[in-house]
Amino acid sequence: MKIDLNCDLGEGLDNDESIMPYITSANIACGMHAGDSQLMQKTVRLAKGFGVAVGAHPGWPDPQGFGRREMSLGPDQVEALVLDQIEVLAAIAKAEGVELRHIKPHGALYNQAARDLTLADAIARAIKGFSRDMILVGLAGSCLVDAGVAAGLHVLNEGFADRNYNPDGTLVSRQQANAIIEAPQEVAAHALALAVEGIFFGGRHITIETLCLHGDHAQAVENARLVRSELETAGVQIAAPSK
């Protein structure tokens, strides 16, 4: 069994370097919800140094809300917004001799696209417009994954090690007290369960292909360390996805 371990980074939280040894993919903020060109460059260089695959992490233009407040834009606007962010990070990565491997929307943009096919299609078009070779990361079983498949993109069904799930396979809202799994030991156990058992989304069993850890979790570094250890001890191979 093989799985990718990804983390949202480049968000100005000063723990990126400590997390890098434990992950295989980095989702780098593209300046809208967090980050700027200097931080993008620094994070790309860190990922390159640790042999971690680099991906773009585009979000809503919402730095005050860290990209976690829902917005409503037309499909053409969303497509342009996402494409612009991908191109900014791709140019920085190219200058550093790093290939951009994947795209994972951030926060509210990601969660809205998980249930809104029109929004998901706009994101998929933006990614396809940049490169048909990009990998799209989306909530396992969701509209975002379906849109990527329909667009002919390589997609990865994502699970969240540090988040609780509703019975239908959606994530518990961050507005609820039990949304976040706080204890690193529980995060690691949840990660292993997701990797081994997958989830049920809309009545379908979905295999998890990449696991996310949040860089802004209070125990982000310890989560990454324990999750990697737990998976490897169980015989799960940790590796970045191939195109």
Foldseek 3Di string as FASTA:
>chain_A
DAAFEEEEDLAPPPCLLLLLLQGAAYAHEQPQQGHDLVSLLVNLVSCVVNNHAYAYAYAHNHVVVSRADDDDDALVVLLVRLLVSRVSSQVSNVVVVHHHAEYEYDHNLQQVQQEDLSSLLSNLVSVVVVPLRHEYEHAWPGSNQVNNVVSNHHYFHEDELFADADLQRHQDDPVDPRGTRQDLVSSLVSLQCCQVQNHHHNNDGTHGRYYYAYPPHPCRSSNSVSNSVSCVVVVYHHHDDDD
